[in-house]
PDB file of all heavy atoms in Angstrom:
ATOM      1  N   LEU A   1      18.383 -38.142 -53.554  1.00  0.00           N
ATOM      2  CA  LEU A   1      19.164 -37.204 -52.766  1.00  0.00           C
ATOM      3  C   LEU A   1      18.295 -36.526 -51.710  1.00  0.00           C
ATOM      4  O   LEU A   1      18.710 -36.375 -50.557  1.00  0.00           O
ATOM      5  CB  LEU A   1      19.800 -36.166 -53.691  1.00  0.00           C
ATOM      6  CG  LEU A   1      20.728 -35.140 -53.025  1.00  0.00           C
ATOM      7  CD1 LEU A   1      21.900 -35.853 -52.345  1.00  0.00           C
ATOM      8  CD2 LEU A   1      21.251 -34.136 -54.053  1.00  0.00           C
ATOM      9  N   ARG A   2      17.095 -36.139 -52.166  1.00  0.00           N
ATOM     10  CA  ARG A   2      16.176 -35.532 -51.195  1.00  0.00           C
ATOM     11  C   ARG A   2      15.805 -36.542 -50.092  1.00  0.00           C
ATOM     12  O   ARG A   2      15.729 -36.192 -48.916  1.00  0.00           O
ATOM     13  CB  ARG A   2      14.910 -35.029 -51.911  1.00  0.00           C
ATOM     14  CG  ARG A   2      15.135 -33.756 -52.734  1.00  0.00           C
ATOM     15  CD  ARG A   2      13.817 -33.136 -53.140  1.00  0.00           C
ATOM     16  NE  ARG A   2      13.072 -34.000 -54.035  1.00  0.00           N
ATOM     17  CZ  ARG A   2      13.182 -33.996 -55.371  1.00  0.00           C
ATOM     18  NH1 ARG A   2      14.046 -33.178 -55.966  1.00  0.00           N
ATOM     19  NH2 ARG A   2      12.460 -34.823 -56.108  1.00  0.00           N
ATOM     20  N   GLU A   3      15.558 -37.819 -50.540  1.00  0.00           N
ATOM     21  CA  GLU A   3      15.241 -38.846 -49.545  1.00  0.00           C
ATOM     22  C   GLU A   3      16.393 -39.056 -48.582  1.00  0.00           C
ATOM     23  O   GLU A   3      16.190 -39.211 -47.372  1.00  0.00           O
ATOM     24  CB  GLU A   3      14.903 -40.165 -50.248  1.00  0.00           C
ATOM     25  CG  GLU A   3      13.571 -40.155 -50.979  1.00  0.00           C
ATOM     26  CD  GLU A   3      13.303 -41.466 -51.691  1.00  0.00           C
ATOM     27  OE1 GLU A   3      14.203 -42.351 -51.625  1.00  0.00           O
ATOM     28  OE2 GLU A   3      12.243 -41.604 -52.304  1.00  0.00           O
ATOM     29  N   MET A   4      17.633 -39.097 -49.153  1.00  0.00           N
ATOM     30  CA  MET A   4      18.803 -39.266 -48.287  1.00  0.00           C
ATOM     31  C   MET A   4      18.929 -38.095 -47.322  1.00  0.00           C
ATOM     32  O   MET A   4      19.243 -38.275 -46.135  1.00  0.00           O
ATOM     33  CB  MET A   4      20.072 -39.393 -49.134  1.00  0.00           C
ATOM     34  CG  MET A   4      20.173 -40.710 -49.910  1.00  0.00           C
ATOM     35  SD  MET A   4      21.636 -40.795 -50.941  1.00  0.00           S
ATOM     36  CE  MET A   4      22.922 -40.757 -49.727  1.00  0.00           C
ATOM     37  N   GLU A   5      18.692 -36.890 -47.872  1.00  0.00           N
ATOM     38  CA  GLU A   5      18.761 -35.731 -46.993  1.00  0.00           C
ATOM     39  C   GLU A   5      17.706 -35.817 -45.895  1.00  0.00           C
ATOM     40  O   GLU A   5      17.978 -35.543 -44.717  1.00  0.00           O
ATOM     41  CB  GLU A   5      18.571 -34.455 -47.820  1.00  0.00           C
ATOM     42  CG  GLU A   5      19.748 -34.143 -48.758  1.00  0.00           C
ATOM     43  CD  GLU A   5      19.484 -32.912 -49.620  1.00  0.00           C
ATOM     44  OE1 GLU A   5      18.353 -32.383 -49.544  1.00  0.00           O
ATOM     45  OE2 GLU A   5      20.407 -32.477 -50.342  1.00  0.00           O
ATOM     46  N   VAL A   6      16.493 -36.245 -46.336  1.00  0.00           N
ATOM     47  CA  VAL A   6      15.419 -36.385 -45.348  1.00  0.00           C
ATOM     48  C   VAL A   6      15.774 -37.465 -44.328  1.00  0.00           C
ATOM     49  O   VAL A   6      15.578 -37.308 -43.113  1.00  0.00           O
ATOM     50  CB  VAL A   6      14.079 -36.704 -46.049  1.00  0.00           C
ATOM     51  CG1 VAL A   6      13.014 -37.056 -45.013  1.00  0.00           C
ATOM     52  CG2 VAL A   6      13.620 -35.525 -46.897  1.00  0.00           C
ATOM     53  N   SER A   7      16.323 -38.626 -44.862  1.00  0.00           N
ATOM     54  CA  SER A   7      16.698 -39.718 -43.963  1.00  0.00           C
ATOM     55  C   SER A   7      17.785 -39.277 -43.000  1.00  0.00           C
ATOM     56  O   SER A   7      17.744 -39.590 -41.794  1.00  0.00           O
ATOM     57  CB  SER A   7      17.182 -40.925 -44.774  1.00  0.00           C
ATOM     58  OG  SER A   7      16.156 -41.409 -45.617  1.00  0.00           O
ATOM     59  N   GLN A   8      18.787 -38.560 -43.544  1.00  0.00           N
ATOM     60  CA  GLN A   8      19.853 -38.059 -42.683  1.00  0.00           C
ATOM     61  C   GLN A   8      19.302 -37.106 -41.629  1.00  0.00           C
ATOM     62  O   GLN A   8      19.669 -37.171 -40.456  1.00  0.00           O
ATOM     63  CB  GLN A   8      20.931 -37.369 -43.520  1.00  0.00           C
ATOM     64  CG  GLN A   8      21.769 -38.346 -44.353  1.00  0.00           C
ATOM     65  CD  GLN A   8      22.802 -37.634 -45.197  1.00  0.00           C
ATOM     66  OE1 GLN A   8      22.826 -36.401 -45.250  1.00  0.00           O
ATOM     67  NE2 GLN A   8      23.651 -38.404 -45.876  1.00  0.00           N
ATOM     68  N   LYS A   9      18.407 -36.226 -42.121  1.00  0.00           N
ATOM     69  CA  LYS A   9      17.808 -35.296 -41.170  1.00  0.00           C
ATOM     70  C   LYS A   9      17.008 -36.053 -40.111  1.00  0.00           C
ATOM     71  O   LYS A   9      17.096 -35.751 -38.915  1.00  0.00           O
ATOM     72  CB  LYS A   9      16.904 -34.304 -41.900  1.00  0.00           C
ATOM     73  CG  LYS A   9      17.669 -33.291 -42.739  1.00  0.00           C
ATOM     74  CD  LYS A   9      16.707 -32.344 -43.438  1.00  0.00           C
ATOM     75  CE  LYS A   9      17.484 -31.310 -44.286  1.00  0.00           C
ATOM     76  NZ  LYS A   9      16.554 -30.378 -44.987  1.00  0.00           N
ATOM     77  N   LEU A  10      16.254 -37.089 -40.595  1.00  0.00           N
ATOM     78  CA  LEU A  10      15.479 -37.897 -39.641  1.00  0.00           C
ATOM     79  C   LEU A  10      16.393 -38.657 -38.685  1.00  0.00           C
ATOM     80  O   LEU A  10      16.113 -38.749 -37.484  1.00  0.00           O
ATOM     81  CB  LEU A  10      14.578 -38.874 -40.398  1.00  0.00           C
ATOM     82  CG  LEU A  10      13.396 -38.263 -41.148  1.00  0.00           C
ATOM     83  CD1 LEU A  10      12.677 -39.330 -41.962  1.00  0.00           C
ATOM     84  CD2 LEU A  10      12.423 -37.596 -40.183  1.00  0.00           C
ATOM     85  N   ALA A  11      17.496 -39.227 -39.270  1.00  0.00           N
ATOM     86  CA  ALA A  11      18.437 -39.965 -38.425  1.00  0.00           C
ATOM     87  C   ALA A  11      19.080 -39.043 -37.399  1.00  0.00           C
ATOM     88  O   ALA A  11      19.205 -39.386 -36.224  1.00  0.00           O
ATOM     89  CB  ALA A  11      19.514 -40.621 -39.291  1.00  0.00           C
ATOM     90  N   VAL A  12      19.488 -37.884 -37.874  1.00  0.00           N
ATOM     91  CA  VAL A  12      20.089 -36.926 -36.945  1.00  0.00           C
ATOM     92  C   VAL A  12      19.071 -36.512 -35.892  1.00  0.00           C
ATOM     93  O   VAL A  12      19.363 -36.438 -34.695  1.00  0.00           O
ATOM     94  CB  VAL A  12      20.621 -35.696 -37.722  1.00  0.00           C
ATOM     95  CG1 VAL A  12      21.056 -34.607 -36.749  1.00  0.00           C
ATOM     96  CG2 VAL A  12      21.788 -36.106 -38.612  1.00  0.00           C
ATOM     97  N   THR A  13      17.850 -36.244 -36.398  1.00  0.00           N
ATOM     98  CA  THR A  13      16.786 -35.864 -35.453  1.00  0.00           C
ATOM     99  C   THR A  13      16.516 -36.977 -34.450  1.00  0.00           C
ATOM    100  O   THR A  13      16.372 -36.731 -33.246  1.00  0.00           O
ATOM    101  CB  THR A  13      15.501 -35.529 -36.228  1.00  0.00           C
ATOM    102  OG1 THR A  13      15.774 -34.505 -37.187  1.00  0.00           O
ATOM    103  CG2 THR A  13      14.413 -35.067 -35.280  1.00  0.00           C
ATOM    104  N   GLU A  14      16.452 -38.237 -34.987  1.00  0.00           N
ATOM    105  CA  GLU A  14      16.205 -39.379 -34.110  1.00  0.00           C
ATOM    106  C   GLU A  14      17.341 -39.570 -33.112  1.00  0.00           C
ATOM    107  O   GLU A  14      17.111 -39.845 -31.931  1.00  0.00           O
ATOM    108  CB  GLU A  14      16.027 -40.644 -34.953  1.00  0.00           C
ATOM    109  CG  GLU A  14      15.611 -41.877 -34.169  1.00  0.00           C
ATOM    110  CD  GLU A  14      14.211 -41.747 -33.625  1.00  0.00           C
ATOM    111  OE1 GLU A  14      13.391 -40.980 -34.190  1.00  0.00           O
ATOM    112  OE2 GLU A  14      13.926 -42.428 -32.608  1.00  0.00           O
ATOM    113  N   ALA A  15      18.600 -39.429 -33.634  1.00  0.00           N
ATOM    114  CA  ALA A  15      19.752 -39.566 -32.744  1.00  0.00           C
ATOM    115  C   ALA A  15      19.741 -38.493 -31.664  1.00  0.00           C
ATOM    116  O   ALA A  15      19.981 -38.759 -30.485  1.00  0.00           O
ATOM    117  CB  ALA A  15      21.047 -39.507 -33.552  1.00  0.00           C
ATOM    118  N   VAL A  16      19.459 -37.284 -32.107  1.00  0.00           N
ATOM    119  CA  VAL A  16      19.395 -36.192 -31.133  1.00  0.00           C
ATOM    120  C   VAL A  16      18.276 -36.437 -30.134  1.00  0.00           C
ATOM    121  O   VAL A  16      18.436 -36.241 -28.920  1.00  0.00           O
ATOM    122  CB  VAL A  16      19.185 -34.843 -31.869  1.00  0.00           C
ATOM    123  CG1 VAL A  16      18.911 -33.727 -30.866  1.00  0.00           C
ATOM    124  CG2 VAL A  16      20.411 -34.498 -32.707  1.00  0.00           C
ATOM    125  N   LYS A  17      17.138 -36.926 -30.678  1.00  0.00           N
ATOM    126  CA  LYS A  17      16.001 -37.224 -29.809  1.00  0.00           C
ATOM    127  C   LYS A  17      16.346 -38.315 -28.816  1.00  0.00           C
ATOM    128  O   LYS A  17      16.016 -38.225 -27.624  1.00  0.00           O
ATOM    129  CB  LYS A  17      14.806 -37.627 -30.665  1.00  0.00           C
ATOM    130  CG  LYS A  17      13.533 -37.851 -29.876  1.00  0.00           C
ATOM    131  CD  LYS A  17      12.394 -38.202 -30.805  1.00  0.00           C
ATOM    132  CE  LYS A  17      11.104 -38.454 -30.012  1.00  0.00           C
ATOM    133  NZ  LYS A  17       9.982 -38.820 -30.926  1.00  0.00           N
ATOM    134  N   GLN A  18      17.044 -39.391 -29.320  1.00  0.00           N
ATOM    135  CA  GLN A  18      17.426 -40.489 -28.443  1.00  0.00           C
ATOM    136  C   GLN A  18      18.412 -40.025 -27.374  1.00  0.00           C
ATOM    137  O   GLN A  18      18.307 -40.393 -26.201  1.00  0.00           O
ATOM    138  CB  GLN A  18      18.031 -41.627 -29.259  1.00  0.00           C
ATOM    139  CG  GLN A  18      18.347 -42.875 -28.453  1.00  0.00           C
ATOM    140  CD  GLN A  18      18.823 -44.013 -29.329  1.00  0.00           C
ATOM    141  OE1 GLN A  18      18.895 -43.848 -30.551  1.00  0.00           O
ATOM    142  NE2 GLN A  18      19.142 -45.138 -28.715  1.00  0.00           N
ATOM    143  N   VAL A  19      19.394 -39.214 -27.832  1.00  0.00           N
ATOM    144  CA  VAL A  19      20.365 -38.683 -26.862  1.00  0.00           C
ATOM    145  C   VAL A  19      19.664 -37.823 -25.830  1.00  0.00           C
ATOM    146  O   VAL A  19      19.955 -37.888 -24.626  1.00  0.00           O
ATOM    147  CB  VAL A  19      21.458 -37.885 -27.609  1.00  0.00           C
ATOM    148  CG1 VAL A  19      22.343 -37.126 -26.607  1.00  0.00           C
ATOM    149  CG2 VAL A  19      22.314 -38.817 -28.455  1.00  0.00           C
ATOM    150  N   GLU A  20      18.714 -37.021 -26.310  1.00  0.00           N
ATOM    151  CA  GLU A  20      17.965 -36.186 -25.377  1.00  0.00           C
ATOM    152  C   GLU A  20      17.149 -37.038 -24.415  1.00  0.00           C
ATOM    153  O   GLU A  20      17.064 -36.737 -23.218  1.00  0.00           O
ATOM    154  CB  GLU A  20      17.048 -35.224 -26.154  1.00  0.00           C
ATOM    155  CG  GLU A  20      17.818 -34.137 -26.911  1.00  0.00           C
ATOM    156  CD  GLU A  20      16.885 -33.252 -27.735  1.00  0.00           C
ATOM    157  OE1 GLU A  20      15.694 -33.635 -27.856  1.00  0.00           O
ATOM    158  OE2 GLU A  20      17.342 -32.209 -28.228  1.00  0.00           O
ATOM    159  N   GLN A  21      16.549 -38.143 -24.978  1.00  0.00           N
ATOM    160  CA  GLN A  21      15.787 -39.044 -24.106  1.00  0.00           C
ATOM    161  C   GLN A  21      16.688 -39.698 -23.074  1.00  0.00           C
ATOM    162  O   GLN A  21      16.340 -39.787 -21.891  1.00  0.00           O
ATOM    163  CB  GLN A  21      15.079 -40.112 -24.935  1.00  0.00           C
ATOM    164  CG  GLN A  21      13.914 -39.591 -25.756  1.00  0.00           C
ATOM    165  CD  GLN A  21      13.266 -40.688 -26.588  1.00  0.00           C
ATOM    166  OE1 GLN A  21      13.795 -41.802 -26.674  1.00  0.00           O
ATOM    167  NE2 GLN A  21      12.144 -40.372 -27.227  1.00  0.00           N
ATOM    168  N   GLU A  22      17.874 -40.197 -23.546  1.00  0.00           N
ATOM    169  CA  GLU A  22      18.814 -40.795 -22.605  1.00  0.00           C
ATOM    170  C   GLU A  22      19.269 -39.790 -21.560  1.00  0.00           C
ATOM    171  O   GLU A  22      19.397 -40.111 -20.371  1.00  0.00           O
ATOM    172  CB  GLU A  22      20.015 -41.357 -23.362  1.00  0.00           C
ATOM    173  CG  GLU A  22      19.684 -42.575 -24.222  1.00  0.00           C
ATOM    174  CD  GLU A  22      20.887 -43.074 -24.990  1.00  0.00           C
ATOM    175  OE1 GLU A  22      21.944 -42.403 -24.913  1.00  0.00           O
ATOM    176  OE2 GLU A  22      20.778 -44.125 -25.668  1.00  0.00           O
ATOM    177  N   ARG A  23      19.503 -38.564 -22.044  1.00  0.00           N
ATOM    178  CA  ARG A  23      19.903 -37.520 -21.098  1.00  0.00           C
ATOM    179  C   ARG A  23      18.800 -37.263 -20.073  1.00  0.00           C
ATOM    180  O   ARG A  23      19.050 -37.157 -18.870  1.00  0.00           O
ATOM    181  CB  ARG A  23      20.212 -36.233 -21.883  1.00  0.00           C
ATOM    182  CG  ARG A  23      20.642 -35.049 -21.003  1.00  0.00           C
ATOM    183  CD  ARG A  23      20.498 -33.750 -21.754  1.00  0.00           C
ATOM    184  NE  ARG A  23      19.100 -33.507 -22.099  1.00  0.00           N
ATOM    185  CZ  ARG A  23      18.705 -32.560 -22.953  1.00  0.00           C
ATOM    186  NH1 ARG A  23      19.602 -31.796 -23.566  1.00  0.00           N
ATOM    187  NH2 ARG A  23      17.420 -32.392 -23.212  1.00  0.00           N
ATOM    188  N   ASP A  24      17.561 -37.210 -20.617  1.00  0.00           N
ATOM    189  CA  ASP A  24      16.425 -36.978 -19.714  1.00  0.00           C
ATOM    190  C   ASP A  24      16.247 -38.151 -18.748  1.00  0.00           C
ATOM    191  O   ASP A  24      15.969 -37.949 -17.560  1.00  0.00           O
ATOM    192  CB  ASP A  24      15.145 -36.767 -20.526  1.00  0.00           C
ATOM    193  CG  ASP A  24      15.191 -35.476 -21.359  1.00  0.00           C
ATOM    194  OD1 ASP A  24      15.995 -34.582 -21.000  1.00  0.00           O
ATOM    195  OD2 ASP A  24      14.443 -35.384 -22.353  1.00  0.00           O
ATOM    196  N   GLN A  25      16.401 -39.406 -19.304  1.00  0.00           N
ATOM    197  CA  GLN A  25      16.280 -40.584 -18.435  1.00  0.00           C
ATOM    198  C   GLN A  25      17.362 -40.586 -17.362  1.00  0.00           C
ATOM    199  O   GLN A  25      17.097 -40.877 -16.194  1.00  0.00           O
ATOM    200  CB  GLN A  25      16.366 -41.865 -19.263  1.00  0.00           C
ATOM    201  CG  GLN A  25      15.157 -42.108 -20.157  1.00  0.00           C
ATOM    202  CD  GLN A  25      15.322 -43.346 -21.020  1.00  0.00           C
ATOM    203  OE1 GLN A  25      16.369 -43.989 -20.990  1.00  0.00           O
ATOM    204  NE2 GLN A  25      14.287 -43.665 -21.799  1.00  0.00           N
ATOM    205  N   PHE A  26      18.594 -40.298 -17.785  1.00  0.00           N
ATOM    206  CA  PHE A  26      19.688 -40.241 -16.822  1.00  0.00           C
ATOM    207  C   PHE A  26      19.439 -39.161 -15.778  1.00  0.00           C
ATOM    208  O   PHE A  26      19.654 -39.360 -14.581  1.00  0.00           O
ATOM    209  CB  PHE A  26      21.005 -39.977 -17.555  1.00  0.00           C
ATOM    210  CG  PHE A  26      22.202 -39.884 -16.646  1.00  0.00           C
ATOM    211  CD1 PHE A  26      22.745 -41.028 -16.075  1.00  0.00           C
ATOM    212  CD2 PHE A  26      22.765 -38.649 -16.337  1.00  0.00           C
ATOM    213  CE1 PHE A  26      23.837 -40.943 -15.236  1.00  0.00           C
ATOM    214  CE2 PHE A  26      23.852 -38.567 -15.492  1.00  0.00           C
ATOM    215  CZ  PHE A  26      24.385 -39.717 -14.940  1.00  0.00           C
ATOM    216  N   LYS A  27      18.951 -38.023 -16.300  1.00  0.00           N
ATOM    217  CA  LYS A  27      18.654 -36.926 -15.381  1.00  0.00           C
ATOM    218  C   LYS A  27      17.545 -37.318 -14.420  1.00  0.00           C
ATOM    219  O   LYS A  27      17.641 -37.089 -13.203  1.00  0.00           O
ATOM    220  CB  LYS A  27      18.253 -35.702 -16.194  1.00  0.00           C
ATOM    221  CG  LYS A  27      18.021 -34.454 -15.356  1.00  0.00           C
ATOM    222  CD  LYS A  27      17.687 -33.266 -16.243  1.00  0.00           C
ATOM    223  CE  LYS A  27      17.430 -32.015 -15.405  1.00  0.00           C
ATOM    224  NZ  LYS A  27      17.080 -30.853 -16.271  1.00  0.00           N
ATOM    225  N   ASN A  28      16.490 -37.980 -14.996  1.00  0.00           N
ATOM    226  CA  ASN A  28      15.389 -38.425 -14.145  1.00  0.00           C
ATOM    227  C   ASN A  28      15.851 -39.497 -13.159  1.00  0.00           C
ATOM    228  O   ASN A  28      15.456 -39.496 -11.992  1.00  0.00           O
ATOM    229  CB  ASN A  28      14.245 -38.969 -14.997  1.00  0.00           C
ATOM    230  CG  ASN A  28      13.570 -37.886 -15.822  1.00  0.00           C
ATOM    231  OD1 ASN A  28      13.558 -36.716 -15.429  1.00  0.00           O
ATOM    232  ND2 ASN A  28      13.017 -38.262 -16.963  1.00  0.00           N
ATOM    233  N   GLY A  29      16.702 -40.447 -13.691  1.00  0.00           N
ATOM    234  CA  GLY A  29      17.236 -41.479 -12.809  1.00  0.00           C
ATOM    235  C   GLY A  29      18.068 -40.881 -11.693  1.00  0.00           C
ATOM    236  O   GLY A  29      17.984 -41.313 -10.539  1.00  0.00           O
ATOM    237  N   LEU A  30      18.897 -39.898 -12.059  1.00  0.00           N
ATOM    238  CA  LEU A  30      19.716 -39.238 -11.049  1.00  0.00           C
ATOM    239  C   LEU A  30      18.841 -38.523 -10.027  1.00  0.00           C
ATOM    240  O   LEU A  30      19.077 -38.603  -8.809  1.00  0.00           O
ATOM    241  CB  LEU A  30      20.669 -38.257 -11.728  1.00  0.00           C
ATOM    242  CG  LEU A  30      21.657 -37.511 -10.818  1.00  0.00           C
ATOM    243  CD1 LEU A  30      22.559 -38.517 -10.104  1.00  0.00           C
ATOM    244  CD2 LEU A  30      22.494 -36.520 -11.623  1.00  0.00           C
ATOM    245  N   GLU A  31      17.822 -37.862 -10.553  1.00  0.00           N
ATOM    246  CA  GLU A  31      16.910 -37.172  -9.641  1.00  0.00           C
ATOM    247  C   GLU A  31      16.164 -38.163  -8.755  1.00  0.00           C
ATOM    248  O   GLU A  31      15.998 -37.932  -7.551  1.00  0.00           O
ATOM    249  CB  GLU A  31      15.917 -36.326 -10.449  1.00  0.00           C
ATOM    250  CG  GLU A  31      16.565 -35.131 -11.163  1.00  0.00           C
ATOM    251  CD  GLU A  31      15.560 -34.368 -12.020  1.00  0.00           C
ATOM    252  OE1 GLU A  31      14.415 -34.857 -12.141  1.00  0.00           O
ATOM    253  OE2 GLU A  31      15.931 -33.305 -12.557  1.00  0.00           O
ATOM    254  N   GLN A  32      15.726 -39.301  -9.394  1.00  0.00           N
ATOM    255  CA  GLN A  32      15.041 -40.323  -8.602  1.00  0.00           C
ATOM    256  C   GLN A  32      15.967 -40.934  -7.562  1.00  0.00           C
ATOM    257  O   GLN A  32      15.550 -41.191  -6.424  1.00  0.00           O
ATOM    258  CB  GLN A  32      14.488 -41.414  -9.516  1.00  0.00           C
ATOM    259  CG  GLN A  32      13.323 -40.955 -10.380  1.00  0.00           C
ATOM    260  CD  GLN A  32      12.839 -42.049 -11.304  1.00  0.00           C
ATOM    261  OE1 GLN A  32      13.386 -43.152 -11.306  1.00  0.00           O
ATOM    262  NE2 GLN A  32      11.814 -41.741 -12.099  1.00  0.00           N
ATOM    263  N   ALA A  33      17.237 -41.200  -7.977  1.00  0.00           N
ATOM    264  CA  ALA A  33      18.198 -41.755  -7.024  1.00  0.00           C
ATOM    265  C   ALA A  33      18.436 -40.787  -5.876  1.00  0.00           C
ATOM    266  O   ALA A  33      18.486 -41.184  -4.705  1.00  0.00           O
ATOM    267  CB  ALA A  33      19.513 -42.076  -7.736  1.00  0.00           C
ATOM    268  N   GLN A  34      18.587 -39.508  -6.242  1.00  0.00           N
ATOM    269  CA  GLN A  34      18.772 -38.512  -5.192  1.00  0.00           C
ATOM    270  C   GLN A  34      17.542 -38.435  -4.290  1.00  0.00           C
ATOM    271  O   GLN A  34      17.661 -38.353  -3.066  1.00  0.00           O
ATOM    272  CB  GLN A  34      19.069 -37.147  -5.826  1.00  0.00           C
ATOM    273  CG  GLN A  34      20.433 -37.082  -6.528  1.00  0.00           C
ATOM    274  CD  GLN A  34      20.649 -35.767  -7.244  1.00  0.00           C
ATOM    275  OE1 GLN A  34      19.722 -34.966  -7.402  1.00  0.00           O
ATOM    276  NE2 GLN A  34      21.886 -35.530  -7.689  1.00  0.00           N
ATOM    277  N   LEU A  35      16.360 -38.495  -4.962  1.00  0.00           N
ATOM    278  CA  LEU A  35      15.125 -38.465  -4.183  1.00  0.00           C
ATOM    279  C   LEU A  35      15.001 -39.704  -3.299  1.00  0.00           C
ATOM    280  O   LEU A  35      14.626 -39.611  -2.119  1.00  0.00           O
ATOM    281  CB  LEU A  35      13.928 -38.365  -5.125  1.00  0.00           C
ATOM    282  CG  LEU A  35      12.534 -38.338  -4.472  1.00  0.00           C
ATOM    283  CD1 LEU A  35      12.422 -37.126  -3.549  1.00  0.00           C
ATOM    284  CD2 LEU A  35      11.449 -38.313  -5.530  1.00  0.00           C
ATOM    285  N   LYS A  36      15.335 -40.902  -3.902  1.00  0.00           N
ATOM    286  CA  LYS A  36      15.284 -42.145  -3.138  1.00  0.00           C
ATOM    287  C   LYS A  36      16.256 -42.106  -1.971  1.00  0.00           C
ATOM    288  O   LYS A  36      15.924 -42.520  -0.846  1.00  0.00           O
ATOM    289  CB  LYS A  36      15.603 -43.324  -4.047  1.00  0.00           C
ATOM    290  CG  LYS A  36      15.490 -44.669  -3.377  1.00  0.00           C
ATOM    291  CD  LYS A  36      15.778 -45.787  -4.354  1.00  0.00           C
ATOM    292  CE  LYS A  36      15.686 -47.142  -3.671  1.00  0.00           C
ATOM    293  NZ  LYS A  36      15.996 -48.249  -4.630  1.00  0.00           N
ATOM    294  N   LYS A  37      17.467 -41.599  -2.248  1.00  0.00           N
ATOM    295  CA  LYS A  37      18.457 -41.500  -1.190  1.00  0.00           C
ATOM    296  C   LYS A  37      17.968 -40.572  -0.091  1.00  0.00           C
ATOM    297  O   LYS A  37      18.098 -40.862   1.105  1.00  0.00           O
ATOM    298  CB  LYS A  37      19.771 -40.989  -1.771  1.00  0.00           C
ATOM    299  CG  LYS A  37      20.899 -40.898  -0.757  1.00  0.00           C
ATOM    300  CD  LYS A  37      22.173 -40.413  -1.402  1.00  0.00           C
ATOM    301  CE  LYS A  37      23.288 -40.290  -0.370  1.00  0.00           C
ATOM    302  NZ  LYS A  37      24.535 -39.761  -0.964  1.00  0.00           N
ATOM    303  N   ALA A  38      17.386 -39.445  -0.535  1.00  0.00           N
ATOM    304  CA  ALA A  38      16.869 -38.508   0.458  1.00  0.00           C
ATOM    305  C   ALA A  38      15.743 -39.130   1.272  1.00  0.00           C
ATOM    306  O   ALA A  38      15.675 -38.979   2.498  1.00  0.00           O
ATOM    307  CB  ALA A  38      16.381 -37.228  -0.245  1.00  0.00           C
ATOM    308  N   LEU A  39      14.847 -39.887   0.538  1.00  0.00           N
ATOM    309  CA  LEU A  39      13.747 -40.544   1.238  1.00  0.00           C
ATOM    310  C   LEU A  39      14.263 -41.610   2.201  1.00  0.00           C
ATOM    311  O   LEU A  39      13.756 -41.750   3.314  1.00  0.00           O
ATOM    312  CB  LEU A  39      12.778 -41.162   0.220  1.00  0.00           C
ATOM    313  CG  LEU A  39      11.968 -40.168  -0.627  1.00  0.00           C
ATOM    314  CD1 LEU A  39      11.165 -40.912  -1.677  1.00  0.00           C
ATOM    315  CD2 LEU A  39      11.046 -39.330   0.259  1.00  0.00           C
ATOM    316  N   GLU A  40      15.273 -42.404   1.718  1.00  0.00           N
ATOM    317  CA  GLU A  40      15.842 -43.425   2.590  1.00  0.00           C
ATOM    318  C   GLU A  40      16.505 -42.794   3.811  1.00  0.00           C
ATOM    319  O   GLU A  40      16.366 -43.306   4.931  1.00  0.00           O
ATOM    320  CB  GLU A  40      16.856 -44.261   1.814  1.00  0.00           C
ATOM    321  CG  GLU A  40      16.224 -45.191   0.788  1.00  0.00           C
ATOM    322  CD  GLU A  40      17.253 -45.978   0.015  1.00  0.00           C
ATOM    323  OE1 GLU A  40      18.462 -45.674   0.170  1.00  0.00           O
ATOM    324  OE2 GLU A  40      16.864 -46.894  -0.737  1.00  0.00           O
ATOM    325  N   GLU A  41      17.251 -41.713   3.562  1.00  0.00           N
ATOM    326  CA  GLU A  41      17.875 -41.030   4.690  1.00  0.00           C
ATOM    327  C   GLU A  41      16.819 -40.508   5.655  1.00  0.00           C
ATOM    328  O   GLU A  41      16.956 -40.625   6.879  1.00  0.00           O
ATOM    329  CB  GLU A  41      18.757 -39.884   4.189  1.00  0.00           C
ATOM    330  CG  GLU A  41      20.012 -40.358   3.453  1.00  0.00           C
ATOM    331  CD  GLU A  41      20.819 -39.196   2.906  1.00  0.00           C
ATOM    332  OE1 GLU A  41      20.311 -38.050   2.970  1.00  0.00           O
ATOM    333  OE2 GLU A  41      21.946 -39.425   2.416  1.00  0.00           O
ATOM    334  N   LYS A  42      15.757 -39.967   5.054  1.00  0.00           N
ATOM    335  CA  LYS A  42      14.680 -39.449   5.893  1.00  0.00           C
ATOM    336  C   LYS A  42      13.997 -40.586   6.655  1.00  0.00           C
ATOM    337  O   LYS A  42      13.713 -40.464   7.855  1.00  0.00           O
ATOM    338  CB  LYS A  42      13.665 -38.704   5.031  1.00  0.00           C
ATOM    339  CG  LYS A  42      12.566 -38.028   5.827  1.00  0.00           C
ATOM    340  CD  LYS A  42      11.632 -37.247   4.922  1.00  0.00           C
ATOM    341  CE  LYS A  42      10.520 -36.583   5.724  1.00  0.00           C
ATOM    342  NZ  LYS A  42       9.584 -35.820   4.858  1.00  0.00           N
ATOM    343  N   ALA A  43      13.725 -41.728   5.900  1.00  0.00           N
ATOM    344  CA  ALA A  43      13.095 -42.873   6.549  1.00  0.00           C
ATOM    345  C   ALA A  43      13.996 -43.445   7.639  1.00  0.00           C
ATOM    346  O   ALA A  43      13.524 -43.827   8.716  1.00  0.00           O
ATOM    347  CB  ALA A  43      12.763 -43.947   5.515  1.00  0.00           C
TER     348      ALA A  43
END
């Protein structure tokens, strides 16, 4: 039970971490796209 709780906590933590990473990647991608667009417009 403790292992399951730990696994669940780890899974939840991992899922949250992955979602946060995806969110950060999407945010970074969006920022990069905006930056690229701005650079292209500037170029």
